[in-house]
PDB file of N, CA and C in Angstrom:
ATOM      1  N   MET A   1       0.974  -1.101   0.123  1.00  0.00           N
ATOM      2  CA  MET A   1       0.179   0.411  -0.186  1.00  0.00           C
ATOM      3  C   MET A   1       0.728   1.248  -0.132  1.00  0.00           C
ATOM      4  N   LYS A   2       1.746   1.273   1.007  1.00  0.00           N
ATOM      5  CA  LYS A   2       3.101   2.618   0.543  1.00  0.00           C
ATOM      6  C   LYS A   2       3.677   2.562  -0.589  1.00  0.00           C
ATOM      7  N   TYR A   3       4.311   1.845  -1.268  1.00  0.00           N
ATOM      8  CA  TYR A   3       3.920   2.010  -2.195  1.00  0.00           C
ATOM      9  C   TYR A   3       3.156   2.378  -3.340  1.00  0.00           C
ATOM     10  N   LEU A   4       2.219   2.003  -3.889  1.00  0.00           N
ATOM     11  CA  LEU A   4       0.845   2.313  -4.129  1.00  0.00           C
ATOM     12  C   LEU A   4       0.994   3.869  -4.583  1.00  0.00           C
ATOM     13  N   SER A   5       0.690   4.088  -2.710  1.00  0.00           N
ATOM     14  CA  SER A   5       0.948   5.706  -2.900  1.00  0.00           C
ATOM     15  C   SER A   5       1.496   6.467  -3.262  1.00  0.00           C
ATOM     16  N   LYS A   6       3.003   6.275  -3.203  1.00  0.00           N
ATOM     17  CA  LYS A   6       4.060   6.735  -3.728  1.00  0.00           C
ATOM     18  C   LYS A   6       3.879   6.937  -5.372  1.00  0.00           C
ATOM     19  N   THR A   7       3.481   5.776  -6.495  1.00  0.00           N
ATOM     20  CA  THR A   7       3.225   5.826  -6.980  1.00  0.00           C
ATOM     21  C   THR A   7       2.015   6.653  -7.771  1.00  0.00           C
ATOM     22  N   PHE A   8       0.926   6.696  -6.735  1.00  0.00           N
ATOM     23  CA  PHE A   8       0.214   7.535  -7.007  1.00  0.00           C
ATOM     24  C   PHE A   8       0.603   9.300  -6.962  1.00  0.00           C
ATOM     25  N   PHE A   9       1.338   9.392  -6.096  1.00  0.00           N
ATOM     26  CA  PHE A   9       1.716  10.900  -5.811  1.00  0.00           C
ATOM     27  C   PHE A   9       2.407  11.146  -6.953  1.00  0.00           C
ATOM     28  N   ALA A  10       3.638  10.232  -7.474  1.00  0.00           N
ATOM     29  CA  ALA A  10       4.435  10.324  -8.421  1.00  0.00           C
ATOM     30  C   ALA A  10       3.898  10.868  -9.869  1.00  0.00           C
ATOM     31  N   LEU A  11       2.637  10.417  -9.864  1.00  0.00           N
ATOM     32  CA  LEU A  11       1.661  10.230 -11.027  1.00  0.00           C
ATOM     33  C   LEU A  11       0.974  11.696 -11.135  1.00  0.00           C
ATOM     34  N   LEU A  12       0.464  12.187  -9.546  1.00  0.00           N
ATOM     35  CA  LEU A  12      -0.150  13.638  -9.439  1.00  0.00           C
ATOM     36  C   LEU A  12       0.742  14.641 -10.161  1.00  0.00           C
ATOM     37  N   VAL A  13       2.010  14.388  -9.464  1.00  0.00           N
ATOM     38  CA  VAL A  13       3.069  15.430  -9.562  1.00  0.00           C
ATOM     39  C   VAL A  13       3.121  15.496 -11.052  1.00  0.00           C
ATOM     40  N   PHE A  14       3.429  13.997 -11.914  1.00  0.00           N
ATOM     41  CA  PHE A  14       4.033  14.284 -13.398  1.00  0.00           C
ATOM     42  C   PHE A  14       2.718  15.099 -14.025  1.00  0.00           C
ATOM     43  N   SER A  15       1.444  14.975 -13.479  1.00  0.00           N
ATOM     44  CA  SER A  15       0.503  15.323 -14.357  1.00  0.00           C
ATOM     45  C   SER A  15       0.372  16.685 -14.269  1.00  0.00           C
ATOM     46  N   LEU A  16       0.817  17.614 -13.213  1.00  0.00           N
ATOM     47  CA  LEU A  16       0.794  18.821 -12.491  1.00  0.00           C
ATOM     48  C   LEU A  16       1.956  19.553 -13.493  1.00  0.00           C
ATOM     49  N   VAL A  17       3.341  18.750 -13.926  1.00  0.00           N
ATOM     50  CA  VAL A  17       4.391  19.164 -14.508  1.00  0.00           C
ATOM     51  C   VAL A  17       4.038  19.653 -15.862  1.00  0.00           C
ATOM     52  N   GLY A  18       2.963  18.594 -16.137  1.00  0.00           N
ATOM     53  CA  GLY A  18       2.875  18.475 -17.553  1.00  0.00           C
ATOM     54  C   GLY A  18       2.012  20.100 -18.149  1.00  0.00           C
ATOM     55  N   CYS A  19       1.597  20.768 -17.468  1.00  0.00           N
ATOM     56  CA  CYS A  19       0.364  21.905 -17.690  1.00  0.00           C
ATOM     57  C   CYS A  19       1.771  22.975 -17.275  1.00  0.00           C
ATOM     58  N   THR A  20       1.819  24.305 -18.379  1.00  0.00           N
ATOM     59  CA  THR A  20       2.624  25.205 -17.937  1.00  0.00           C
ATOM     60  C   THR A  20       1.684  26.436 -17.609  1.00  0.00           C
ATOM     61  N   ALA A  21       2.473  26.830 -16.800  1.00  0.00           N
ATOM     62  CA  ALA A  21       1.624  28.234 -16.584  1.00  0.00           C
ATOM     63  C   ALA A  21       0.719  28.970 -17.051  1.00  0.00           C
ATOM     64  N   ALA A  22       0.616  29.425 -18.170  1.00  0.00           N
ATOM     65  CA  ALA A  22       0.250  29.928 -19.390  1.00  0.00           C
ATOM     66  C   ALA A  22      -0.961  29.461 -19.632  1.00  0.00           C
ATOM     67  N   GLU A  23      -0.735  27.889 -19.736  1.00  0.00           N
ATOM     68  CA  GLU A  23      -2.185  26.515 -20.176  1.00  0.00           C
ATOM     69  C   GLU A  23      -3.055  27.364 -18.792  1.00  0.00           C
ATOM     70  N   VAL A  24      -2.694  27.240 -17.688  1.00  0.00           N
ATOM     71  CA  VAL A  24      -3.216  27.075 -16.395  1.00  0.00           C
ATOM     72  C   VAL A  24      -3.534  28.659 -16.245  1.00  0.00           C
ATOM     73  N   ASN A  25      -2.971  29.632 -16.837  1.00  0.00           N
ATOM     74  CA  ASN A  25      -3.823  30.672 -16.582  1.00  0.00           C
ATOM     75  C   ASN A  25      -5.154  30.971 -18.095  1.00  0.00           C
ATOM     76  N   LYS A  26      -4.560  30.437 -18.571  1.00  0.00           N
ATOM     77  CA  LYS A  26      -5.755  30.391 -19.922  1.00  0.00           C
ATOM     78  C   LYS A  26      -7.141  29.563 -19.514  1.00  0.00           C
ATOM     79  N   PHE A  27      -6.867  28.824 -18.761  1.00  0.00           N
ATOM     80  CA  PHE A  27      -8.106  27.784 -18.475  1.00  0.00           C
ATOM     81  C   PHE A  27      -8.973  28.265 -17.575  1.00  0.00           C
ATOM     82  N   LEU A  28      -8.200  29.210 -16.103  1.00  0.00           N
ATOM     83  CA  LEU A  28      -8.778  29.783 -15.129  1.00  0.00           C
ATOM     84  C   LEU A  28      -9.574  31.177 -16.194  1.00  0.00           C
ATOM     85  N   ALA A  29      -9.008  31.982 -16.898  1.00  0.00           N
ATOM     86  CA  ALA A  29      -9.292  33.328 -17.584  1.00  0.00           C
ATOM     87  C   ALA A  29     -10.727  32.542 -18.177  1.00  0.00           C
ATOM     88  N   ALA A  30     -10.440  31.717 -19.013  1.00  0.00           N
ATOM     89  CA  ALA A  30     -11.908  30.743 -19.589  1.00  0.00           C
ATOM     90  C   ALA A  30     -12.702  30.876 -19.107  1.00  0.00           C
ATOM     91  N   ALA A  31     -12.677  29.953 -17.410  1.00  0.00           N
ATOM     92  CA  ALA A  31     -13.813  29.610 -16.889  1.00  0.00           C
ATOM     93  C   ALA A  31     -14.136  30.941 -15.873  1.00  0.00           C
ATOM     94  N   SER A  32     -13.481  31.937 -15.891  1.00  0.00           N
ATOM     95  CA  SER A  32     -14.081  32.817 -15.008  1.00  0.00           C
ATOM     96  C   SER A  32     -14.884  33.712 -16.435  1.00  0.00           C
ATOM     97  N   GLU A  33     -14.761  33.507 -17.517  1.00  0.00           N
ATOM     98  CA  GLU A  33     -15.807  34.477 -18.347  1.00  0.00           C
ATOM     99  C   GLU A  33     -16.988  33.533 -18.531  1.00  0.00           C
ATOM    100  N   SER A  34     -16.841  32.582 -18.683  1.00  0.00           N
ATOM    101  CA  SER A  34     -18.360  31.948 -18.919  1.00  0.00           C
ATOM    102  C   SER A  34     -18.550  30.893 -18.236  1.00  0.00           C
ATOM    103  N   ALA A  35     -19.460  30.440 -17.797  1.00  0.00           N
ATOM    104  CA  ALA A  35     -19.916  28.522 -17.439  1.00  0.00           C
ATOM    105  C   ALA A  35     -19.446  27.993 -18.420  1.00  0.00           C
ATOM    106  N   LEU A  36     -18.642  26.473 -17.538  1.00  0.00           N
ATOM    107  CA  LEU A  36     -18.166  26.060 -18.470  1.00  0.00           C
ATOM    108  C   LEU A  36     -19.197  24.866 -18.375  1.00  0.00           C
ATOM    109  N   THR A  37     -19.260  23.912 -19.626  1.00  0.00           N
ATOM    110  CA  THR A  37     -20.481  23.067 -19.247  1.00  0.00           C
ATOM    111  C   THR A  37     -19.528  21.891 -18.987  1.00  0.00           C
ATOM    112  N   GLU A  38     -20.588  20.644 -18.595  1.00  0.00           N
ATOM    113  CA  GLU A  38     -20.280  19.520 -17.902  1.00  0.00           C
ATOM    114  C   GLU A  38     -19.371  18.890 -19.132  1.00  0.00           C
ATOM    115  N   ASN A  39     -19.641  18.878 -20.184  1.00  0.00           N
ATOM    116  CA  ASN A  39     -19.282  18.040 -21.493  1.00  0.00           C
ATOM    117  C   ASN A  39     -17.653  18.638 -21.279  1.00  0.00           C
ATOM    118  N   GLU A  40     -17.552  20.467 -21.099  1.00  0.00           N
ATOM    119  CA  GLU A  40     -16.503  20.714 -21.493  1.00  0.00           C
ATOM    120  C   GLU A  40     -15.376  20.652 -20.301  1.00  0.00           C
ATOM    121  N   VAL A  41     -15.999  20.616 -18.957  1.00  0.00           N
ATOM    122  CA  VAL A  41     -14.875  19.908 -17.965  1.00  0.00           C
ATOM    123  C   VAL A  41     -14.744  18.729 -18.131  1.00  0.00           C
ATOM    124  N   GLY A  42     -15.488  17.937 -18.117  1.00  0.00           N
ATOM    125  CA  GLY A  42     -14.761  16.360 -19.062  1.00  0.00           C
ATOM    126  C   GLY A  42     -13.998  16.105 -19.818  1.00  0.00           C
ATOM    127  N   ASN A  43     -13.974  17.223 -20.946  1.00  0.00           N
ATOM    128  CA  ASN A  43     -13.200  17.145 -21.838  1.00  0.00           C
ATOM    129  C   ASN A  43     -11.648  17.652 -21.407  1.00  0.00           C
ATOM    130  N   GLY A  44     -11.649  18.894 -20.603  1.00  0.00           N
ATOM    131  CA  GLY A  44     -11.081  19.277 -20.463  1.00  0.00           C
ATOM    132  C   GLY A  44      -9.732  18.360 -19.570  1.00  0.00           C
ATOM    133  N   LEU A  45     -10.751  17.856 -18.186  1.00  0.00           N
ATOM    134  CA  LEU A  45      -9.609  16.710 -17.955  1.00  0.00           C
ATOM    135  C   LEU A  45      -9.194  15.786 -18.228  1.00  0.00           C
ATOM    136  N   LYS A  46      -9.752  15.262 -19.302  1.00  0.00           N
ATOM    137  CA  LYS A  46      -9.034  13.907 -20.012  1.00  0.00           C
ATOM    138  C   LYS A  46      -7.987  14.657 -20.516  1.00  0.00           C
ATOM    139  N   GLU A  47      -7.803  15.531 -21.421  1.00  0.00           N
ATOM    140  CA  GLU A  47      -6.819  16.415 -21.618  1.00  0.00           C
ATOM    141  C   GLU A  47      -5.463  16.771 -21.116  1.00  0.00           C
ATOM    142  N   ALA A  48      -6.176  16.850 -19.952  1.00  0.00           N
ATOM    143  CA  ALA A  48      -4.994  17.426 -18.843  1.00  0.00           C
ATOM    144  C   ALA A  48      -4.613  16.312 -18.520  1.00  0.00           C
ATOM    145  N   LEU A  49      -5.065  15.007 -18.052  1.00  0.00           N
ATOM    146  CA  LEU A  49      -4.543  13.847 -17.575  1.00  0.00           C
ATOM    147  C   LEU A  49      -3.886  12.770 -19.018  1.00  0.00           C
ATOM    148  N   ILE A  50      -4.407  13.359 -20.197  1.00  0.00           N
ATOM    149  CA  ILE A  50      -3.484  12.114 -21.443  1.00  0.00           C
ATOM    150  C   ILE A  50      -1.890  13.745 -21.111  1.00  0.00           C
ATOM    151  N   LYS A  51      -2.371  14.449 -21.537  1.00  0.00           N
ATOM    152  CA  LYS A  51      -0.934  15.116 -21.611  1.00  0.00           C
ATOM    153  C   LYS A  51      -0.201  14.935 -19.872  1.00  0.00           C
ATOM    154  N   GLY A  52      -0.783  14.651 -19.294  1.00  0.00           N
ATOM    155  CA  GLY A  52       0.021  14.599 -17.747  1.00  0.00           C
ATOM    156  C   GLY A  52       0.622  13.439 -17.818  1.00  0.00           C
ATOM    157  N   VAL A  53       0.056  12.330 -18.044  1.00  0.00           N
ATOM    158  CA  VAL A  53       0.345  10.982 -17.964  1.00  0.00           C
ATOM    159  C   VAL A  53       1.323  10.551 -19.363  1.00  0.00           C
ATOM    160  N   THR A  54       1.208  11.320 -20.337  1.00  0.00           N
ATOM    161  CA  THR A  54       2.358  11.177 -21.548  1.00  0.00           C
ATOM    162  C   THR A  54       3.447  12.015 -21.050  1.00  0.00           C
ATOM    163  N   GLU A  55       3.352  13.281 -20.752  1.00  0.00           N
ATOM    164  CA  GLU A  55       4.799  13.844 -19.655  1.00  0.00           C
ATOM    165  C   GLU A  55       5.539  12.763 -18.665  1.00  0.00           C
ATOM    166  N   GLY A  56       4.688  12.151 -17.707  1.00  0.00           N
ATOM    167  CA  GLY A  56       5.278  11.647 -16.820  1.00  0.00           C
ATOM    168  C   GLY A  56       5.827  10.170 -17.449  1.00  0.00           C
ATOM    169  N   ALA A  57       5.554   9.640 -18.190  1.00  0.00           N
ATOM    170  CA  ALA A  57       6.091   8.627 -18.909  1.00  0.00           C
ATOM    171  C   ALA A  57       7.501   8.965 -19.768  1.00  0.00           C
ATOM    172  N   ASN A  58       7.099   9.908 -20.556  1.00  0.00           N
ATOM    173  CA  ASN A  58       8.416  10.491 -21.370  1.00  0.00           C
ATOM    174  C   ASN A  58       9.656  10.811 -20.478  1.00  0.00           C
ATOM    175  N   LEU A  59       8.955  11.257 -18.935  1.00  0.00           N
ATOM    176  CA  LEU A  59      10.207  11.627 -18.153  1.00  0.00           C
ATOM    177  C   LEU A  59      10.762  10.312 -16.929  1.00  0.00           C
ATOM    178  N   ALA A  60       9.836   9.188 -17.295  1.00  0.00           N
ATOM    179  CA  ALA A  60       9.992   7.816 -16.558  1.00  0.00           C
ATOM    180  C   ALA A  60      11.217   7.538 -17.400  1.00  0.00           C
ATOM    181  N   SER A  61      10.811   7.125 -18.640  1.00  0.00           N
ATOM    182  CA  SER A  61      11.553   6.843 -19.588  1.00  0.00           C
ATOM    183  C   SER A  61      12.693   7.065 -20.113  1.00  0.00           C
ATOM    184  N   ALA A  62      13.041   8.497 -19.671  1.00  0.00           N
ATOM    185  CA  ALA A  62      14.359   8.964 -20.034  1.00  0.00           C
ATOM    186  C   ALA A  62      15.748   8.182 -19.092  1.00  0.00           C
ATOM    187  N   THR A  63      16.740   8.341 -19.798  1.00  0.00           N
ATOM    188  CA  THR A  63      18.015   7.757 -18.642  1.00  0.00           C
ATOM    189  C   THR A  63      17.968   7.991 -17.590  1.00  0.00           C
ATOM    190  N   ASP A  64      17.860   6.679 -16.607  1.00  0.00           N
ATOM    191  CA  ASP A  64      17.153   6.926 -15.050  1.00  0.00           C
ATOM    192  C   ASP A  64      16.862   7.843 -14.219  1.00  0.00           C
ATOM    193  N   GLY A  65      15.927   7.967 -15.483  1.00  0.00           N
ATOM    194  CA  GLY A  65      14.130   8.592 -15.273  1.00  0.00           C
ATOM    195  C   GLY A  65      13.395   7.753 -14.044  1.00  0.00           C
ATOM    196  N   PHE A  66      14.040   6.745 -14.350  1.00  0.00           N
ATOM    197  CA  PHE A  66      12.812   5.401 -13.089  1.00  0.00           C
ATOM    198  C   PHE A  66      13.566   5.118 -12.052  1.00  0.00           C
ATOM    199  N   LEU A  67      14.527   4.873 -12.590  1.00  0.00           N
ATOM    200  CA  LEU A  67      15.701   3.792 -11.119  1.00  0.00           C
ATOM    201  C   LEU A  67      16.060   4.945 -10.087  1.00  0.00           C
ATOM    202  N   LYS A  68      16.455   6.369 -10.665  1.00  0.00           N
ATOM    203  CA  LYS A  68      17.259   7.303 -10.019  1.00  0.00           C
ATOM    204  C   LYS A  68      16.144   8.336  -9.350  1.00  0.00           C
ATOM    205  N   ASN A  69      14.872   8.068  -9.614  1.00  0.00           N
ATOM    206  CA  ASN A  69      13.620   9.301  -8.891  1.00  0.00           C
ATOM    207  C   ASN A  69      12.979   8.573  -7.684  1.00  0.00           C
ATOM    208  N   ASP A  70      13.363   8.939  -6.778  1.00  0.00           N
ATOM    209  CA  ASP A  70      12.535   8.333  -5.257  1.00  0.00           C
ATOM    210  C   ASP A  70      11.363   8.156  -5.380  1.00  0.00           C
ATOM    211  N   LEU A  71      10.502   9.207  -6.421  1.00  0.00           N
ATOM    212  CA  LEU A  71       9.492   9.335  -6.375  1.00  0.00           C
ATOM    213  C   LEU A  71       8.425   8.140  -6.860  1.00  0.00           C
ATOM    214  N   ILE A  72       9.189   7.900  -8.164  1.00  0.00           N
ATOM    215  CA  ILE A  72       8.428   6.526  -8.627  1.00  0.00           C
ATOM    216  C   ILE A  72       9.034   5.574  -8.566  1.00  0.00           C
ATOM    217  N   ARG A  73      10.476   5.060  -8.162  1.00  0.00           N
ATOM    218  CA  ARG A  73      11.014   3.768  -7.844  1.00  0.00           C
ATOM    219  C   ARG A  73      10.373   3.300  -6.939  1.00  0.00           C
ATOM    220  N   ILE A  74      10.277   2.159  -7.295  1.00  0.00           N
ATOM    221  CA  ILE A  74       9.297   1.505  -6.044  1.00  0.00           C
ATOM    222  C   ILE A  74      10.475   0.481  -5.886  1.00  0.00           C
ATOM    223  N   ALA A  75      11.312   0.520  -4.240  1.00  0.00           N
ATOM    224  CA  ALA A  75      11.985  -0.125  -3.824  1.00  0.00           C
ATOM    225  C   ALA A  75      11.827  -1.623  -3.821  1.00  0.00           C
ATOM    226  N   LEU A  76      13.011  -2.671  -3.846  1.00  0.00           N
ATOM    227  CA  LEU A  76      12.503  -4.181  -3.351  1.00  0.00           C
ATOM    228  C   LEU A  76      12.321  -4.503  -1.955  1.00  0.00           C
ATOM    229  N   PRO A  77      11.443  -5.071  -1.565  1.00  0.00           N
ATOM    230  CA  PRO A  77      11.511  -5.444  -0.553  1.00  0.00           C
ATOM    231  C   PRO A  77      12.827  -5.619   0.427  1.00  0.00           C
ATOM    232  N   GLU A  78      12.595  -5.608   1.459  1.00  0.00           N
ATOM    233  CA  GLU A  78      13.976  -6.315   2.538  1.00  0.00           C
ATOM    234  C   GLU A  78      14.858  -7.295   2.658  1.00  0.00           C
ATOM    235  N   ASP A  79      13.455  -8.045   2.363  1.00  0.00           N
ATOM    236  CA  ASP A  79      14.160  -9.617   2.535  1.00  0.00           C
ATOM    237  C   ASP A  79      14.820  -9.551   0.550  1.00  0.00           C
ATOM    238  N   VAL A  80      14.429  -9.413   0.011  1.00  0.00           N
ATOM    239  CA  VAL A  80      15.115  -9.164  -1.430  1.00  0.00           C
ATOM    240  C   VAL A  80      16.316  -8.211  -1.919  1.00  0.00           C
ATOM    241  N   GLN A  81      16.647  -7.356  -0.750  1.00  0.00           N
ATOM    242  CA  GLN A  81      17.385  -6.476  -1.025  1.00  0.00           C
ATOM    243  C   GLN A  81      19.063  -7.086  -0.543  1.00  0.00           C
ATOM    244  N   ARG A  82      18.664  -7.944   0.599  1.00  0.00           N
ATOM    245  CA  ARG A  82      19.906  -8.986   1.194  1.00  0.00           C
ATOM    246  C   ARG A  82      20.123  -9.827  -0.159  1.00  0.00           C
ATOM    247  N   VAL A  83      19.224 -10.854  -1.127  1.00  0.00           N
ATOM    248  CA  VAL A  83      19.759 -11.426  -1.935  1.00  0.00           C
ATOM    249  C   VAL A  83      20.808 -10.545  -2.950  1.00  0.00           C
ATOM    250  N   ARG A  84      20.323  -9.349  -3.361  1.00  0.00           N
ATOM    251  CA  ARG A  84      20.706  -8.664  -4.304  1.00  0.00           C
ATOM    252  C   ARG A  84      22.194  -8.155  -3.942  1.00  0.00           C
TER     253      ARG A  84
END
């Protein structure tokens, strides 16, 4: 469960990293000008998640992007570490 929380947190961080400040400001400006429909909000969330997952996967697949990143690297259990 502890490792699942770490992975979820890492995915959340990567999804937030995928958005620039300009994109966030653009979204906030558009949201304040008019009410968004439920469909628009859903599509925006889908797009943000797709972009975040894509950026996170790109970062993790870079050289040492997974093994040297403590936020997403899943450590081996202590019993297995002794064997290593």
